[in-house]
Amino acid sequence: MNLHEDKLKKLEQFISDKGTLLIAYSGGTDSSLLAVITKKVLNDKHLCVLVDSPLIPRRDVRRARDIAERYGICLKMLPFDPLKIPEIRNNQNDRCYHCKKKICSTLKQIAGEHGITTIADGTNLSDLAEYRPGLHAASEEGICHPFVEAGIDKNDIREIAREMGLEFWDIPSSACLASRMPYNEKLDSDKLEIIERGENILHDCGIMQCRVRLHDGGSFARIEVPENMCSDLVSKRDWIMPKLRKLGFHYITLDLEGYRPGNFDKKE
């Protein structure tokens, strides 16, 4: 038995011991793998809940629904408007804590309605080293982390998904659209839409791992792509720039440090 097989066995045993499971599902590689394995272990004694909010890119929602349909995952959509909550809308550095608290409260209600006693998410060992106030909130609310319990990190997740032949094994990492804005700059639907439309422009020209970070109230766009994609983006600037300018950006820059997850996720 190789290392991944051992970890997968531990994961399956952990899930089996729960009997029923509700999964906080996003359609990313982490939660999708957890959902597929849970479906295999528990059959229909599971429920995945997908939060549908203005903070989530529409592409991510469509992909999540497609994956659930393809793999026979039991899915429930959860409409949620975080912009109605001042602690989230004001975008302070504990924004994710308040957002996750509210979502977890609703997940617990849904779990109770379906007779499910355990709620899980796709948190893995790699996440524990990052600043994640939302993870702190989830732990406070009793959300369990099966990947952590099985000693699985992000690389393990991608390798296990690849070895299982799952098409989503190499999906680029994503995050809520609020993460593209500096803390303390208020969130609103117009800014979030501009961010999403800007990133869609980059996706449409083949740059799937990217961030369009907003500064100065939305007049300044700072683009992050992997370092090996910088020259590709520059070569397409004549196609990209006019489309981005139509979104209202006065200044458009390429960050030479490249794509960095959680760029604004700092405690101070």
C-alpha atoms as a PDB file:
ATOM      1  CA  MET A   1       0.000   0.000   0.000  1.00  0.00           C
ATOM      2  CA  ASN A   2       1.490   3.361  -1.037  1.00  0.00           C
ATOM      3  CA  LEU A   3       1.225   6.539   1.017  1.00  0.00           C
ATOM      4  CA  HIS A   4      -1.810   7.872  -0.870  1.00  0.00           C
ATOM      5  CA  GLU A   5      -3.643   4.567  -0.546  1.00  0.00           C
ATOM      6  CA  ASP A   6      -3.038   4.587   3.201  1.00  0.00           C
ATOM      7  CA  LYS A   7      -4.320   8.146   3.564  1.00  0.00           C
ATOM      8  CA  LEU A   8      -7.331   7.393   1.368  1.00  0.00           C
ATOM      9  CA  LYS A   9      -8.170   4.376   3.503  1.00  0.00           C
ATOM     10  CA  LYS A  10      -8.046   6.541   6.646  1.00  0.00           C
ATOM     11  CA  LEU A  11     -10.271   9.130   4.965  1.00  0.00           C
ATOM     12  CA  GLU A  12     -12.846   6.544   3.921  1.00  0.00           C
ATOM     13  CA  GLN A  13     -12.889   5.055   7.418  1.00  0.00           C
ATOM     14  CA  PHE A  14     -13.395   8.493   8.974  1.00  0.00           C
ATOM     15  CA  ILE A  15     -16.328   9.171   6.650  1.00  0.00           C
ATOM     16  CA  SER A  16     -17.802   5.708   7.210  1.00  0.00           C
ATOM     17  CA  ASP A  17     -17.714   6.189  10.977  1.00  0.00           C
ATOM     18  CA  LYS A  18     -19.888   9.317  10.637  1.00  0.00           C
ATOM     19  CA  GLY A  19     -22.766   7.415   9.038  1.00  0.00           C
ATOM     20  CA  THR A  20     -24.197  10.563   7.427  1.00  0.00           C
ATOM     21  CA  LEU A  21     -22.412  13.703   6.272  1.00  0.00           C
ATOM     22  CA  LEU A  22     -23.247  17.201   5.074  1.00  0.00           C
ATOM     23  CA  ILE A  23     -20.431  18.761   3.040  1.00  0.00           C
ATOM     24  CA  ALA A  24     -19.781  22.466   2.605  1.00  0.00           C
ATOM     25  CA  TYR A  25     -19.238  22.195  -1.139  1.00  0.00           C
ATOM     26  CA  SER A  26     -17.691  24.683  -3.559  1.00  0.00           C
ATOM     27  CA  GLY A  27     -16.906  22.620  -6.649  1.00  0.00           C
ATOM     28  CA  GLY A  28     -13.157  23.087  -6.206  1.00  0.00           C
ATOM     29  CA  THR A  29     -10.819  20.113  -6.206  1.00  0.00           C
ATOM     30  CA  ASP A  30     -10.855  19.746  -2.404  1.00  0.00           C
ATOM     31  CA  SER A  31     -14.582  19.676  -1.704  1.00  0.00           C
ATOM     32  CA  SER A  32     -15.324  17.834  -4.956  1.00  0.00           C
ATOM     33  CA  LEU A  33     -12.966  14.989  -4.024  1.00  0.00           C
ATOM     34  CA  LEU A  34     -14.481  14.842  -0.535  1.00  0.00           C
ATOM     35  CA  ALA A  35     -17.963  14.720  -2.092  1.00  0.00           C
ATOM     36  CA  VAL A  36     -17.082  11.945  -4.549  1.00  0.00           C
ATOM     37  CA  ILE A  37     -15.468   9.802  -1.863  1.00  0.00           C
ATOM     38  CA  THR A  38     -18.363  10.426   0.527  1.00  0.00           C
ATOM     39  CA  LYS A  39     -20.808   9.382  -2.206  1.00  0.00           C
ATOM     40  CA  LYS A  40     -18.796   6.183  -2.675  1.00  0.00           C
ATOM     41  CA  VAL A  41     -18.688   5.405   1.062  1.00  0.00           C
ATOM     42  CA  LEU A  42     -22.129   6.565   2.214  1.00  0.00           C
ATOM     43  CA  ASN A  43     -24.122   6.347  -1.026  1.00  0.00           C
ATOM     44  CA  ASP A  44     -27.163   8.617  -0.608  1.00  0.00           C
ATOM     45  CA  LYS A  45     -26.537   9.313   3.088  1.00  0.00           C
ATOM     46  CA  HIS A  46     -24.831  12.576   2.239  1.00  0.00           C
ATOM     47  CA  LEU A  47     -25.760  16.096   1.205  1.00  0.00           C
ATOM     48  CA  CYS A  48     -23.561  18.738  -0.404  1.00  0.00           C
ATOM     49  CA  VAL A  49     -24.555  22.369   0.107  1.00  0.00           C
ATOM     50  CA  LEU A  50     -23.323  24.966  -2.365  1.00  0.00           C
ATOM     51  CA  VAL A  51     -23.421  28.591  -1.225  1.00  0.00           C
ATOM     52  CA  ASP A  52     -24.653  30.811  -4.045  1.00  0.00           C
ATOM     53  CA  SER A  53     -23.724  34.407  -3.264  1.00  0.00           C
ATOM     54  CA  PRO A  54     -22.465  37.570  -5.012  1.00  0.00           C
ATOM     55  CA  LEU A  55     -19.002  36.708  -3.676  1.00  0.00           C
ATOM     56  CA  ILE A  56     -18.802  33.517  -5.748  1.00  0.00           C
ATOM     57  CA  PRO A  57     -17.868  33.712  -9.456  1.00  0.00           C
ATOM     58  CA  ARG A  58     -20.661  32.457 -11.691  1.00  0.00           C
ATOM     59  CA  ARG A  59     -18.209  30.141 -13.462  1.00  0.00           C
ATOM     60  CA  ASP A  60     -17.459  28.442 -10.153  1.00  0.00           C
ATOM     61  CA  VAL A  61     -21.157  27.929  -9.430  1.00  0.00           C
ATOM     62  CA  ARG A  62     -21.785  26.433 -12.881  1.00  0.00           C
ATOM     63  CA  ARG A  63     -18.766  24.140 -12.563  1.00  0.00           C
ATOM     64  CA  ALA A  64     -19.840  22.987  -9.096  1.00  0.00           C
ATOM     65  CA  ARG A  65     -23.302  22.096 -10.345  1.00  0.00           C
ATOM     66  CA  ASP A  66     -21.860  20.279 -13.378  1.00  0.00           C
ATOM     67  CA  ILE A  67     -19.512  18.203 -11.191  1.00  0.00           C
ATOM     68  CA  ALA A  68     -22.348  17.305  -8.815  1.00  0.00           C
ATOM     69  CA  GLU A  69     -24.528  16.173 -11.708  1.00  0.00           C
ATOM     70  CA  ARG A  70     -21.735  14.218 -13.382  1.00  0.00           C
ATOM     71  CA  TYR A  71     -20.797  12.276 -10.255  1.00  0.00           C
ATOM     72  CA  GLY A  72     -24.272  11.798  -8.802  1.00  0.00           C
ATOM     73  CA  ILE A  73     -23.666  14.012  -5.787  1.00  0.00           C
ATOM     74  CA  CYS A  74     -26.718  15.055  -3.760  1.00  0.00           C
ATOM     75  CA  LEU A  75     -26.684  18.850  -4.029  1.00  0.00           C
ATOM     76  CA  LYS A  76     -28.648  21.652  -2.377  1.00  0.00           C
ATOM     77  CA  MET A  77     -28.190  25.305  -3.351  1.00  0.00           C
ATOM     78  CA  LEU A  78     -28.013  27.840  -0.512  1.00  0.00           C
ATOM     79  CA  PRO A  79     -28.816  31.423  -1.584  1.00  0.00           C
ATOM     80  CA  PHE A  80     -26.861  33.851   0.598  1.00  0.00           C
ATOM     81  CA  ASP A  81     -26.297  37.609   0.361  1.00  0.00           C
ATOM     82  CA  PRO A  82     -23.356  38.525   2.600  1.00  0.00           C
ATOM     83  CA  LEU A  83     -23.494  42.179   1.533  1.00  0.00           C
ATOM     84  CA  LYS A  84     -26.476  42.614   3.863  1.00  0.00           C
ATOM     85  CA  ILE A  85     -24.218  41.887   6.846  1.00  0.00           C
ATOM     86  CA  PRO A  86     -22.227  44.987   7.950  1.00  0.00           C
ATOM     87  CA  GLU A  87     -19.270  42.976   9.305  1.00  0.00           C
ATOM     88  CA  ILE A  88     -18.822  41.454   5.848  1.00  0.00           C
ATOM     89  CA  ARG A  89     -19.766  44.464   3.726  1.00  0.00           C
ATOM     90  CA  ASN A  90     -17.268  46.697   5.581  1.00  0.00           C
ATOM     91  CA  ASN A  91     -14.528  44.241   4.580  1.00  0.00           C
ATOM     92  CA  GLN A  92     -12.385  44.259   7.688  1.00  0.00           C
ATOM     93  CA  ASN A  93      -9.678  41.644   8.099  1.00  0.00           C
ATOM     94  CA  ASP A  94     -12.046  39.356  10.024  1.00  0.00           C
ATOM     95  CA  ARG A  95     -14.606  39.446   7.186  1.00  0.00           C
ATOM     96  CA  CYS A  96     -14.222  35.722   6.517  1.00  0.00           C
ATOM     97  CA  TYR A  97     -14.879  34.903  10.165  1.00  0.00           C
ATOM     98  CA  HIS A  98     -18.286  36.580  10.130  1.00  0.00           C
ATOM     99  CA  CYS A  99     -19.154  35.150   6.726  1.00  0.00           C
ATOM    100  CA  LYS A 100     -18.284  31.598   7.740  1.00  0.00           C
ATOM    101  CA  LYS A 101     -20.130  31.972  11.054  1.00  0.00           C
ATOM    102  CA  LYS A 102     -23.340  32.857   9.247  1.00  0.00           C
ATOM    103  CA  ILE A 103     -22.942  30.102   6.670  1.00  0.00           C
ATOM    104  CA  CYS A 104     -22.175  27.477   9.318  1.00  0.00           C
ATOM    105  CA  SER A 105     -25.255  28.476  11.274  1.00  0.00           C
ATOM    106  CA  THR A 106     -27.390  27.858   8.189  1.00  0.00           C
ATOM    107  CA  LEU A 107     -25.596  24.587   7.379  1.00  0.00           C
ATOM    108  CA  LYS A 108     -26.366  23.312  10.875  1.00  0.00           C
ATOM    109  CA  GLN A 109     -30.033  24.132  10.347  1.00  0.00           C
ATOM    110  CA  ILE A 110     -30.062  22.291   6.999  1.00  0.00           C
ATOM    111  CA  ALA A 111     -28.251  19.313   8.526  1.00  0.00           C
ATOM    112  CA  GLY A 112     -30.864  19.116  11.274  1.00  0.00           C
ATOM    113  CA  GLU A 113     -33.678  19.195   8.737  1.00  0.00           C
ATOM    114  CA  HIS A 114     -32.121  16.198   6.949  1.00  0.00           C
ATOM    115  CA  GLY A 115     -31.238  14.221  10.079  1.00  0.00           C
ATOM    116  CA  ILE A 116     -27.491  14.667   9.515  1.00  0.00           C
ATOM    117  CA  THR A 117     -25.336  15.020  12.607  1.00  0.00           C
ATOM    118  CA  THR A 118     -21.930  15.854  11.073  1.00  0.00           C
ATOM    119  CA  ILE A 119     -20.880  18.735   8.824  1.00  0.00           C
ATOM    120  CA  ALA A 120     -17.549  18.603   6.985  1.00  0.00           C
ATOM    121  CA  ASP A 121     -15.528  20.789   4.659  1.00  0.00           C
ATOM    122  CA  GLY A 122     -12.538  20.403   2.336  1.00  0.00           C
ATOM    123  CA  THR A 123      -9.967  21.961   4.656  1.00  0.00           C
ATOM    124  CA  ASN A 124      -6.642  20.152   4.377  1.00  0.00           C
ATOM    125  CA  LEU A 125      -3.249  20.289   6.101  1.00  0.00           C
ATOM    126  CA  SER A 126      -1.934  22.936   3.690  1.00  0.00           C
ATOM    127  CA  ASP A 127      -4.693  25.336   4.780  1.00  0.00           C
ATOM    128  CA  LEU A 128      -3.607  25.245   8.410  1.00  0.00           C
ATOM    129  CA  ALA A 129      -0.448  27.242   7.682  1.00  0.00           C
ATOM    130  CA  GLU A 130      -2.388  30.177   6.179  1.00  0.00           C
ATOM    131  CA  TYR A 131      -4.271  33.081   7.747  1.00  0.00           C
ATOM    132  CA  ARG A 132      -7.849  31.825   7.610  1.00  0.00           C
ATOM    133  CA  PRO A 133     -10.273  33.418  10.055  1.00  0.00           C
ATOM    134  CA  GLY A 134     -13.054  31.524   8.293  1.00  0.00           C
ATOM    135  CA  LEU A 135     -11.408  28.256   9.307  1.00  0.00           C
ATOM    136  CA  HIS A 136     -11.370  29.440  12.930  1.00  0.00           C
ATOM    137  CA  ALA A 137     -15.103  30.163  12.717  1.00  0.00           C
ATOM    138  CA  ALA A 138     -15.799  26.750  11.164  1.00  0.00           C
ATOM    139  CA  SER A 139     -13.906  25.000  13.939  1.00  0.00           C
ATOM    140  CA  GLU A 140     -15.842  26.997  16.552  1.00  0.00           C
ATOM    141  CA  GLU A 141     -19.066  25.785  14.955  1.00  0.00           C
ATOM    142  CA  GLY A 142     -17.982  22.152  15.109  1.00  0.00           C
ATOM    143  CA  ILE A 143     -17.300  21.663  11.392  1.00  0.00           C
ATOM    144  CA  CYS A 144     -15.001  18.670  10.933  1.00  0.00           C
ATOM    145  CA  HIS A 145     -12.097  18.451   8.500  1.00  0.00           C
ATOM    146  CA  PRO A 146     -11.804  14.887   7.147  1.00  0.00           C
ATOM    147  CA  PHE A 147      -8.682  15.607   5.082  1.00  0.00           C
ATOM    148  CA  VAL A 148      -6.886  16.950   8.144  1.00  0.00           C
ATOM    149  CA  GLU A 149      -7.947  13.890  10.167  1.00  0.00           C
ATOM    150  CA  ALA A 150      -6.480  11.643   7.449  1.00  0.00           C
ATOM    151  CA  GLY A 151      -3.219  13.628   7.197  1.00  0.00           C
ATOM    152  CA  ILE A 152      -3.952  14.833   3.656  1.00  0.00           C
ATOM    153  CA  ASP A 153      -2.556  18.048   2.173  1.00  0.00           C
ATOM    154  CA  LYS A 154      -3.279  19.893  -1.075  1.00  0.00           C
ATOM    155  CA  ASN A 155      -0.766  17.914  -3.136  1.00  0.00           C
ATOM    156  CA  ASP A 156      -2.221  14.656  -1.815  1.00  0.00           C
ATOM    157  CA  ILE A 157      -5.709  15.777  -2.829  1.00  0.00           C
ATOM    158  CA  ARG A 158      -4.670  16.506  -6.406  1.00  0.00           C
ATOM    159  CA  GLU A 159      -2.741  13.226  -6.668  1.00  0.00           C
ATOM    160  CA  ILE A 160      -5.578  11.140  -5.227  1.00  0.00           C
ATOM    161  CA  ALA A 161      -8.081  12.810  -7.577  1.00  0.00           C
ATOM    162  CA  ARG A 162      -5.751  12.259 -10.530  1.00  0.00           C
ATOM    163  CA  GLU A 163      -5.182   8.611  -9.640  1.00  0.00           C
ATOM    164  CA  MET A 164      -8.959   8.146  -9.386  1.00  0.00           C
ATOM    165  CA  GLY A 165      -9.344   9.588 -12.891  1.00  0.00           C
ATOM    166  CA  LEU A 166     -11.439  12.533 -11.712  1.00  0.00           C
ATOM    167  CA  GLU A 167     -11.585  15.297 -14.284  1.00  0.00           C
ATOM    168  CA  PHE A 168     -11.368  18.071 -11.698  1.00  0.00           C
ATOM    169  CA  TRP A 169      -8.000  17.032 -10.250  1.00  0.00           C
ATOM    170  CA  ASP A 170      -6.180  20.061 -11.704  1.00  0.00           C
ATOM    171  CA  ILE A 171      -8.826  22.794 -11.371  1.00  0.00           C
ATOM    172  CA  PRO A 172      -7.039  26.099 -10.606  1.00  0.00           C
ATOM    173  CA  SER A 173      -7.554  27.253  -7.040  1.00  0.00           C
ATOM    174  CA  SER A 174     -10.285  29.807  -6.530  1.00  0.00           C
ATOM    175  CA  ALA A 175     -11.521  32.079  -3.761  1.00  0.00           C
ATOM    176  CA  CYS A 176     -14.376  34.452  -3.109  1.00  0.00           C
ATOM    177  CA  LEU A 177     -14.333  37.694  -5.079  1.00  0.00           C
ATOM    178  CA  ALA A 178     -13.914  39.775  -1.923  1.00  0.00           C
ATOM    179  CA  SER A 179     -10.357  38.456  -1.679  1.00  0.00           C
ATOM    180  CA  ARG A 180      -9.472  40.638  -4.695  1.00  0.00           C
ATOM    181  CA  MET A 181     -10.014  43.843  -2.704  1.00  0.00           C
ATOM    182  CA  PRO A 182      -7.909  45.400   0.087  1.00  0.00           C
ATOM    183  CA  TYR A 183      -9.293  45.173   3.584  1.00  0.00           C
ATOM    184  CA  ASN A 184     -11.427  48.120   4.751  1.00  0.00           C
ATOM    185  CA  GLU A 185     -12.562  49.002   1.226  1.00  0.00           C
ATOM    186  CA  LYS A 186     -16.297  48.412   1.315  1.00  0.00           C
ATOM    187  CA  LEU A 187     -17.699  45.639  -0.801  1.00  0.00           C
ATOM    188  CA  ASP A 188     -20.510  46.290  -3.238  1.00  0.00           C
ATOM    189  CA  SER A 189     -22.068  44.348  -6.082  1.00  0.00           C
ATOM    190  CA  ASP A 190     -20.701  46.677  -8.782  1.00  0.00           C
ATOM    191  CA  LYS A 191     -17.068  46.165  -7.730  1.00  0.00           C
ATOM    192  CA  LEU A 192     -17.538  42.426  -7.410  1.00  0.00           C
ATOM    193  CA  GLU A 193     -19.049  42.266 -10.893  1.00  0.00           C
ATOM    194  CA  ILE A 194     -16.146  44.245 -12.352  1.00  0.00           C
ATOM    195  CA  ILE A 195     -13.658  41.837 -10.780  1.00  0.00           C
ATOM    196  CA  GLU A 196     -15.487  38.817 -12.137  1.00  0.00           C
ATOM    197  CA  ARG A 197     -15.844  40.284 -15.621  1.00  0.00           C
ATOM    198  CA  GLY A 198     -12.147  41.214 -15.618  1.00  0.00           C
ATOM    199  CA  GLU A 199     -11.091  37.694 -14.706  1.00  0.00           C
ATOM    200  CA  ASN A 200     -13.471  36.246 -17.295  1.00  0.00           C
ATOM    201  CA  ILE A 201     -11.631  38.274 -19.931  1.00  0.00           C
ATOM    202  CA  LEU A 202      -8.368  36.632 -18.891  1.00  0.00           C
ATOM    203  CA  HIS A 203     -10.013  33.190 -18.777  1.00  0.00           C
ATOM    204  CA  ASP A 204     -11.341  33.687 -22.289  1.00  0.00           C
ATOM    205  CA  CYS A 205      -7.832  34.134 -23.614  1.00  0.00           C
ATOM    206  CA  GLY A 206      -6.595  30.973 -21.898  1.00  0.00           C
ATOM    207  CA  ILE A 207      -5.221  32.331 -18.615  1.00  0.00           C
ATOM    208  CA  MET A 208      -7.185  30.299 -16.086  1.00  0.00           C
ATOM    209  CA  GLN A 209      -5.118  30.916 -12.926  1.00  0.00           C
ATOM    210  CA  CYS A 210      -5.345  34.656 -12.361  1.00  0.00           C
ATOM    211  CA  ARG A 211      -6.508  37.411 -10.057  1.00  0.00           C
ATOM    212  CA  VAL A 212      -7.692  40.922 -10.883  1.00  0.00           C
ATOM    213  CA  ARG A 213      -7.018  42.877  -7.674  1.00  0.00           C
ATOM    214  CA  LEU A 214      -8.851  46.173  -7.263  1.00  0.00           C
ATOM    215  CA  HIS A 215      -7.293  49.307  -5.793  1.00  0.00           C
ATOM    216  CA  ASP A 216      -8.357  52.933  -5.422  1.00  0.00           C
ATOM    217  CA  GLY A 217     -12.044  52.210  -5.489  1.00  0.00           C
ATOM    218  CA  GLY A 218     -11.857  50.232  -8.701  1.00  0.00           C
ATOM    219  CA  SER A 219      -9.899  52.644 -10.893  1.00  0.00           C
ATOM    220  CA  PHE A 220      -6.700  50.581 -10.589  1.00  0.00           C
ATOM    221  CA  ALA A 221      -6.466  46.916 -11.626  1.00  0.00           C
ATOM    222  CA  ARG A 222      -3.437  44.864 -10.565  1.00  0.00           C
ATOM    223  CA  ILE A 223      -3.299  41.583 -12.441  1.00  0.00           C
ATOM    224  CA  GLU A 224      -1.648  38.500 -10.992  1.00  0.00           C
ATOM    225  CA  VAL A 225      -0.877  35.450 -13.119  1.00  0.00           C
ATOM    226  CA  PRO A 226       1.686  32.648 -12.624  1.00  0.00           C
ATOM    227  CA  GLU A 227       5.189  33.842 -13.502  1.00  0.00           C
ATOM    228  CA  ASN A 228       5.386  31.548 -16.511  1.00  0.00           C
ATOM    229  CA  MET A 229       2.238  33.178 -17.917  1.00  0.00           C
ATOM    230  CA  CYS A 230       3.387  36.794 -17.658  1.00  0.00           C
ATOM    231  CA  SER A 231       4.891  36.932 -21.149  1.00  0.00           C
ATOM    232  CA  ASP A 232       1.784  35.252 -22.578  1.00  0.00           C
ATOM    233  CA  LEU A 233      -0.445  37.899 -20.996  1.00  0.00           C
ATOM    234  CA  VAL A 234       1.749  40.726 -22.297  1.00  0.00           C
ATOM    235  CA  SER A 235       1.662  39.249 -25.800  1.00  0.00           C
ATOM    236  CA  LYS A 236      -2.155  39.424 -25.692  1.00  0.00           C
ATOM    237  CA  ARG A 237      -2.364  42.941 -24.239  1.00  0.00           C
ATOM    238  CA  ASP A 238      -3.787  44.461 -27.439  1.00  0.00           C
ATOM    239  CA  TRP A 239      -6.763  42.116 -27.099  1.00  0.00           C
ATOM    240  CA  ILE A 240      -7.062  42.338 -23.310  1.00  0.00           C
ATOM    241  CA  MET A 241      -6.532  46.034 -22.603  1.00  0.00           C
ATOM    242  CA  PRO A 242      -9.500  47.512 -24.527  1.00  0.00           C
ATOM    243  CA  LYS A 243     -11.857  45.047 -22.854  1.00  0.00           C
ATOM    244  CA  LEU A 244     -10.540  45.828 -19.376  1.00  0.00           C
ATOM    245  CA  ARG A 245     -10.740  49.566 -19.999  1.00  0.00           C
ATOM    246  CA  LYS A 246     -14.418  49.205 -20.866  1.00  0.00           C
ATOM    247  CA  LEU A 247     -14.907  48.009 -17.283  1.00  0.00           C
ATOM    248  CA  GLY A 248     -13.809  51.427 -16.030  1.00  0.00           C
ATOM    249  CA  PHE A 249     -10.178  50.827 -15.092  1.00  0.00           C
ATOM    250  CA  HIS A 250      -7.973  53.908 -15.496  1.00  0.00           C
ATOM    251  CA  TYR A 251      -4.758  52.020 -14.755  1.00  0.00           C
ATOM    252  CA  ILE A 252      -3.992  48.377 -15.494  1.00  0.00           C
ATOM    253  CA  THR A 253      -0.786  46.785 -14.250  1.00  0.00           C
ATOM    254  CA  LEU A 254       0.828  43.351 -14.259  1.00  0.00           C
ATOM    255  CA  ASP A 255       2.256  42.321 -10.888  1.00  0.00           C
ATOM    256  CA  LEU A 256       5.797  41.097 -11.577  1.00  0.00           C
ATOM    257  CA  GLU A 257       5.777  38.945  -8.436  1.00  0.00           C
ATOM    258  CA  GLY A 258       3.161  36.767 -10.119  1.00  0.00           C
ATOM    259  CA  TYR A 259       0.097  35.031  -8.741  1.00  0.00           C
ATOM    260  CA  ARG A 260       0.091  34.790  -4.937  1.00  0.00           C
ATOM    261  CA  PRO A 261      -2.880  33.155  -3.164  1.00  0.00           C
ATOM    262  CA  GLY A 262      -4.230  35.162  -0.246  1.00  0.00           C
ATOM    263  CA  ASN A 263      -2.368  38.304  -1.295  1.00  0.00           C
ATOM    264  CA  PHE A 264      -4.584  40.492   0.876  1.00  0.00           C
ATOM    265  CA  ASP A 265      -5.010  37.880   3.620  1.00  0.00           C
ATOM    266  CA  LYS A 266      -2.863  39.411   6.290  1.00  0.00           C
ATOM    267  CA  LYS A 267      -3.670  39.889   9.949  1.00  0.00           C
ATOM    268  CA  GLU A 268      -2.478  43.494  10.004  1.00  0.00           C
END
